[in-house]
Each structure stands twice: as structure tokens, then as C-alpha cells.
Amino acid sequence: MTTTLAKKHALLARIRAGLRDDLAMLARSHAATAEGVTHPDARAEGDKDMRSTEASYVARGQARRVATLEEELSALDGLVLRERAEHEPAALGALVTVELTSGTLTYFILPAAAGAEATASDEVVRVVTPRSPLGRALIGRRAGDVVSWSAPQGEVEGLVRSVR
């Protein structure tokens, strides 16, 4: 049987690997876009030709996203995971299982990688950060607490089943 700490480490490793893959793909794409901006074929053919300018906007956006992914990886690399006592409230690094009307979901509260999903021991876990409405709602909650948050479809309410 897998301990909770081992599960957390496995999940975090998968999430970091996914971010590294995303970073590598985006870095290659950014390099190709940046090269295209300065390529002789991108030279404007008239005063209304904006190809090079538009490509530079795309390259700038990609560069920002590369920097963001690097910051997220750094935040995850610095995270120290630990076992949580049964009575402890949810905090950074906790796995929180919430029962909703639509089913039971488990969330991994991390400083970055919001929206990522990973599987360990046949359990699918979704990442939330303390900056999100759901993350803010979960922080400080304990098993048995009712939690609610605003979502695009309206107010959502659930019951915290466990904090690990």
C-alpha cells in the first residue's frame, strides 16, 4: 500500500514532468517564431504589411509564457511535501478530497501548475493554487467542513471528506 507522502511525491513528479515537457515545446516554438521575425523573408513588402510585427507579438507572448513556466517549476522544486496529521487543516501540499453533487474529486494544493491533472495509485488529482477561488476556499478547511466557492457556472458547494 502506498503512503500518502509517496503518493504526493509521485503526483508532484508527474506534474513537474508535464510542466518541463510544456516548457521544452514552448521554448522550441518561441525560438522558431523569434527566428521567423528576423528572417529576410519576413521583411515588410509594403507599409501595410504587418507580418513581422505580428510575429514579434507572438514571440513576446511566448517568451512571457516560457518565463512563467520556469517560475512555476522553480516554485514546485522548492516545495517540501510532508505527511499531514488527521486533524490538520488544508494547506499548501495537502491532498483534499471533496464530495460534490456531481461526484468526489481530489485536489492537490500547490503553489503553481493550476489546472494540471495527475494520477497516482488509481486516483486522479487536480491541482489548485491558493490564488484560485477553490484554492482559497480549501485552505484552512478540515475533514467534515462544508466548503463553497464561485465558479463560472455559479456557486459550488461541497463537503471536505479528507485532508491528507
Protein backbone atom coordinates (compact mmCIF):
# COMPACT_ATOMS: atom_id res chain seq x y z
CA MET A 1 0.00 0.00 0.00
CA THR A 2 1.31 3.42 -0.96
CA THR A 3 1.72 6.01 1.76
CA THR A 4 0.19 9.40 1.28
CA LEU A 5 3.63 11.02 1.19
CA ALA A 6 4.83 8.64 -1.52
CA LYS A 7 1.66 9.38 -3.49
CA LYS A 8 2.25 13.13 -3.17
CA HIS A 9 5.83 12.75 -4.39
CA ALA A 10 4.67 10.64 -7.35
CA LEU A 11 1.98 13.17 -8.25
CA LEU A 12 4.38 16.10 -7.93
CA ALA A 13 6.95 14.31 -10.12
CA ARG A 14 4.32 13.77 -12.84
CA ILE A 15 3.14 17.38 -12.64
CA ARG A 16 6.70 18.71 -12.86
CA ALA A 17 7.44 16.40 -15.79
CA GLY A 18 4.37 17.75 -17.59
CA LEU A 19 5.49 21.33 -16.99
CA ARG A 20 9.01 20.51 -18.22
CA ASP A 21 7.53 18.98 -21.38
CA ASP A 22 5.34 22.06 -21.91
CA LEU A 23 8.35 24.32 -21.33
CA ALA A 24 10.54 22.44 -23.82
CA MET A 25 7.82 22.52 -26.50
CA LEU A 26 7.10 26.20 -25.94
CA ALA A 27 10.81 27.10 -25.92
CA ARG A 28 11.24 25.39 -29.32
CA SER A 29 8.18 27.18 -30.66
CA HIS A 30 9.43 30.52 -29.32
CA ALA A 31 12.84 30.00 -30.92
CA ALA A 32 11.23 29.25 -34.29
CA THR A 33 8.92 32.26 -34.03
CA ALA A 34 11.76 34.59 -32.99
CA GLU A 35 13.86 33.33 -35.90
CA GLY A 36 10.95 33.98 -38.24
CA VAL A 37 10.70 37.59 -37.07
CA THR A 38 14.26 38.35 -38.16
CA HIS A 39 14.31 36.12 -41.24
CA PRO A 40 14.84 38.02 -44.54
CA ASP A 41 11.59 36.60 -45.92
CA ALA A 42 9.68 38.35 -43.12
CA ARG A 43 10.72 41.77 -44.37
CA ALA A 44 7.71 44.02 -44.98
CA GLU A 45 6.66 44.23 -48.61
CA GLY A 46 4.73 47.42 -48.11
CA ASP A 47 3.63 49.92 -45.48
CA LYS A 48 0.57 47.81 -44.60
CA ASP A 49 2.47 44.50 -44.31
CA MET A 50 2.41 43.64 -40.60
CA ARG A 51 3.63 40.02 -40.68
CA SER A 52 6.89 40.74 -38.89
CA THR A 53 5.20 42.94 -36.29
CA GLU A 54 2.52 40.35 -35.61
CA ALA A 55 5.12 37.59 -35.36
CA SER A 56 7.06 39.69 -32.84
CA TYR A 57 3.90 39.97 -30.69
CA VAL A 58 3.55 36.18 -30.76
CA ALA A 59 7.24 35.76 -29.87
CA ARG A 60 6.91 38.21 -26.99
CA GLY A 61 3.88 36.32 -25.64
CA GLN A 62 5.70 33.02 -25.94
CA ALA A 63 8.71 34.47 -24.11
CA ARG A 64 6.44 35.56 -21.25
CA ARG A 65 4.87 32.09 -21.07
CA VAL A 66 8.33 30.47 -21.03
CA ALA A 67 9.29 32.72 -18.10
CA THR A 68 6.05 31.84 -16.30
CA LEU A 69 6.62 28.11 -16.73
CA GLU A 70 10.18 28.48 -15.44
CA GLU A 71 8.85 30.32 -12.36
CA GLU A 72 6.22 27.62 -11.80
CA LEU A 73 8.83 24.86 -12.00
CA SER A 74 11.02 26.76 -9.55
CA ALA A 75 8.09 27.11 -7.12
CA LEU A 76 7.37 23.38 -7.33
CA ASP A 77 11.05 22.48 -6.95
CA GLY A 78 11.13 24.42 -3.67
CA LEU A 79 8.04 22.74 -2.22
CA VAL A 80 8.61 20.41 0.73
CA LEU A 81 5.90 17.75 1.00
CA ARG A 82 5.06 16.02 4.27
CA GLU A 83 2.54 13.72 5.90
CA ARG A 84 -0.32 15.60 7.48
CA ALA A 85 -1.92 14.69 10.78
CA GLU A 86 -5.61 13.78 10.54
CA HIS A 87 -6.74 16.91 12.41
CA GLU A 88 -4.62 19.39 10.43
CA PRO A 89 -6.33 21.91 8.16
CA ALA A 90 -5.69 22.03 4.42
CA ALA A 91 -2.60 23.96 3.42
CA LEU A 92 -0.01 24.04 0.65
CA GLY A 93 0.98 20.47 -0.23
CA ALA A 94 -2.26 18.90 1.01
CA LEU A 95 -4.45 16.45 -0.87
CA VAL A 96 -8.07 17.42 -0.22
CA THR A 97 -10.96 15.14 -1.19
CA VAL A 98 -14.26 16.96 -1.69
CA GLU A 99 -17.66 15.39 -2.20
CA LEU A 100 -19.78 17.33 -4.68
CA THR A 101 -23.23 16.60 -6.05
CA SER A 102 -21.52 15.52 -9.29
CA GLY A 103 -19.10 13.13 -7.55
CA THR A 104 -15.99 13.07 -5.41
CA LEU A 105 -12.85 14.92 -6.52
CA THR A 106 -9.38 15.16 -5.02
CA TYR A 107 -7.40 18.38 -5.23
CA PHE A 108 -3.66 18.89 -4.68
CA ILE A 109 -2.96 22.37 -3.31
CA LEU A 110 0.27 23.57 -4.92
CA PRO A 111 1.92 26.97 -5.44
CA ALA A 112 1.82 26.54 -9.24
CA ALA A 113 0.55 24.37 -12.13
CA ALA A 114 -3.12 25.27 -11.63
CA GLY A 115 -5.43 23.03 -13.62
CA ALA A 116 -2.90 20.24 -14.10
CA GLU A 117 -4.06 16.68 -13.53
CA ALA A 118 -2.07 13.65 -12.50
CA THR A 119 -2.79 10.08 -11.45
CA ALA A 120 -1.17 8.03 -8.71
CA SER A 121 -2.48 4.80 -7.19
CA ASP A 122 -5.50 4.96 -9.49
CA GLU A 123 -6.54 8.33 -8.05
CA VAL A 124 -6.91 11.29 -10.41
CA VAL A 125 -5.90 14.53 -8.72
CA ARG A 126 -6.42 18.09 -9.93
CA VAL A 127 -4.08 20.91 -8.97
CA VAL A 128 -5.43 24.10 -7.43
CA THR A 129 -3.44 27.04 -6.17
CA PRO A 130 -4.22 29.31 -3.22
CA ARG A 131 -4.82 32.12 -5.75
CA SER A 132 -7.89 30.41 -7.22
CA PRO A 133 -11.37 30.70 -5.69
CA LEU A 134 -11.39 26.96 -4.99
CA GLY A 135 -7.88 27.01 -3.53
CA ARG A 136 -8.80 29.93 -1.26
CA ALA A 137 -11.94 28.06 -0.16
CA LEU A 138 -9.99 24.88 0.68
CA ILE A 139 -7.14 26.48 2.63
CA GLY A 140 -7.77 26.08 6.36
CA ARG A 141 -10.60 23.55 5.95
CA ARG A 142 -10.72 20.22 7.75
CA ALA A 143 -12.48 16.92 7.10
CA GLY A 144 -16.20 17.40 7.70
CA ASP A 145 -16.24 21.11 6.76
CA VAL A 146 -18.64 22.39 4.14
CA VAL A 147 -16.83 24.46 1.54
CA SER A 148 -18.22 26.75 -1.17
CA TRP A 149 -16.70 28.83 -3.94
CA SER A 150 -17.67 30.79 -7.01
CA ALA A 151 -17.26 29.06 -10.35
CA PRO A 152 -18.24 30.17 -13.87
CA GLN A 153 -21.42 28.09 -13.61
CA GLY A 154 -22.31 29.69 -10.25
CA GLU A 155 -21.78 28.95 -6.59
CA VAL A 156 -20.47 25.43 -5.88
CA GLU A 157 -20.70 23.69 -2.53
CA GLY A 158 -19.09 20.51 -1.29
CA LEU A 159 -18.16 18.53 1.78
CA VAL A 160 -14.49 18.02 2.64
CA ARG A 161 -14.10 14.26 3.10
CA SER A 162 -10.38 14.18 3.90
CA VAL A 163 -7.27 16.31 4.16
CA ARG A 164 -4.08 14.33 3.70
